[in-house]
Amino acid sequence: MTTEQMIALAQQRVPEHMHKTAKVVKLGGPAVATLAGLEKGPANTVPSLDEAMASELGQTLPPPTSADSADIVFHDDGQIGRRSTVVQIRNGRVANVLKRG
């Protein structure tokens, strides 16, 4: 899915006057922070902070996001200040629409 396709998908969820304010935030890979004291196996395999916390809490991590995932941010300037609407696209579908004041 191209960036233009993601913007077009997100624009369907916001009012028309906000369409020109779209900004795309691509999602990165897993966190790069590591915990040095939690080695499990060879010395060169240190788990990421996310993996270490999930292991400590007995939880599993969600599947990694695909290239078809991004956050599209729209801004609206009103009388009481700027408001933003974030359309979260995950795996080619709209997952959430968040409004911030």
Protein backbone atom coordinates (compact mmCIF):
# COMPACT_ATOMS: atom_id res chain seq x y z
CA MET A 1 0.00 0.00 0.00
CA THR A 2 1.47 3.35 -1.02
CA THR A 3 1.51 6.47 1.11
CA GLU A 4 -1.05 8.11 -1.18
CA GLN A 5 -3.41 5.16 -0.74
CA MET A 6 -3.07 5.35 3.05
CA ILE A 7 -3.83 9.09 3.00
CA ALA A 8 -6.89 8.51 0.79
CA LEU A 9 -8.12 5.83 3.20
CA ALA A 10 -7.62 8.11 6.19
CA GLN A 11 -9.30 11.08 4.50
CA GLN A 12 -12.55 9.11 4.38
CA ARG A 13 -12.70 9.29 8.18
CA VAL A 14 -12.19 13.06 8.68
CA PRO A 15 -14.12 16.16 7.54
CA GLU A 16 -13.19 17.54 4.13
CA HIS A 17 -11.73 20.80 5.44
CA MET A 18 -8.97 18.79 7.17
CA HIS A 19 -7.85 16.81 4.10
CA LYS A 20 -5.01 19.16 3.13
CA THR A 21 -3.38 18.96 6.58
CA ALA A 22 -2.49 15.25 6.39
CA LYS A 23 0.91 14.22 7.72
CA VAL A 24 2.10 10.62 7.63
CA VAL A 25 3.97 9.02 10.52
CA LYS A 26 5.42 5.66 9.48
CA LEU A 27 5.80 3.08 12.18
CA GLY A 28 9.29 1.79 12.90
CA GLY A 29 10.49 -1.63 13.85
CA PRO A 30 10.78 -3.04 17.35
CA ALA A 31 12.35 -1.03 20.15
CA VAL A 32 16.13 -0.99 20.12
CA ALA A 33 16.67 -0.53 23.86
CA THR A 34 18.04 -3.61 25.56
CA LEU A 35 18.54 -4.80 29.09
CA ALA A 36 22.12 -6.01 29.50
CA GLY A 37 21.53 -8.28 32.49
CA LEU A 38 18.84 -10.46 30.97
CA GLU A 39 20.87 -12.63 28.63
CA LYS A 40 19.30 -15.98 27.79
CA GLY A 41 21.61 -18.00 25.63
CA PRO A 42 24.82 -16.92 23.92
CA ALA A 43 26.36 -13.67 25.12
CA ASN A 44 25.55 -11.85 21.87
CA THR A 45 21.76 -12.39 22.09
CA VAL A 46 20.34 -9.79 24.45
CA PRO A 47 16.54 -9.41 24.36
CA SER A 48 15.00 -6.07 23.51
CA LEU A 49 13.30 -4.12 26.27
CA ASP A 50 9.89 -5.14 24.87
CA GLU A 51 10.82 -8.83 24.84
CA ALA A 52 12.29 -8.66 28.34
CA MET A 53 9.20 -6.99 29.79
CA ALA A 54 6.84 -9.41 28.03
CA SER A 55 8.85 -12.33 29.39
CA GLU A 56 8.86 -10.87 32.90
CA LEU A 57 5.08 -10.33 32.81
CA GLY A 58 4.32 -13.66 31.16
CA GLN A 59 2.72 -12.00 28.13
CA THR A 60 3.27 -12.33 24.40
CA LEU A 61 4.10 -9.44 22.12
CA PRO A 62 1.64 -8.47 19.39
CA PRO A 63 2.69 -9.32 15.85
CA PRO A 64 4.96 -6.71 14.26
CA THR A 65 3.32 -4.08 12.08
CA SER A 66 3.56 -4.48 8.35
CA ALA A 67 4.60 -1.94 5.75
CA ASP A 68 0.87 -1.20 5.32
CA SER A 69 0.72 0.51 8.72
CA ALA A 70 1.04 4.17 9.58
CA ASP A 71 -0.55 6.99 11.55
CA ILE A 72 -2.07 9.84 9.53
CA VAL A 73 -2.35 13.09 11.51
CA PHE A 74 -4.81 15.84 10.55
CA HIS A 75 -4.94 19.29 12.21
CA ASP A 76 -7.85 21.66 12.69
CA ASP A 77 -7.31 25.22 13.97
CA GLY A 78 -10.37 26.46 15.83
CA GLN A 79 -11.30 29.30 18.15
CA ILE A 80 -9.99 27.50 21.22
CA GLY A 81 -6.76 26.23 19.66
CA ARG A 82 -5.43 23.47 17.50
CA ARG A 83 -7.01 20.03 17.57
CA SER A 84 -5.68 16.96 15.87
CA THR A 85 -7.24 13.77 14.60
CA VAL A 86 -5.06 10.69 14.19
CA VAL A 87 -6.20 7.89 11.91
CA GLN A 88 -4.32 4.70 12.72
CA ILE A 89 -3.94 2.36 9.75
CA ARG A 90 -2.82 -1.15 10.58
CA ASN A 91 -2.21 -3.78 7.90
CA GLY A 92 -4.10 -1.79 5.27
CA ARG A 93 -7.22 -1.09 7.37
CA VAL A 94 -8.35 1.74 9.61
CA ALA A 95 -7.88 0.50 13.16
CA ASN A 96 -8.69 3.60 15.24
CA VAL A 97 -9.61 7.25 14.90
CA LEU A 98 -8.30 9.33 17.82
CA LYS A 99 -9.25 12.96 18.46
CA ARG A 100 -7.00 15.14 20.59
CA GLY A 101 -7.73 18.59 21.94
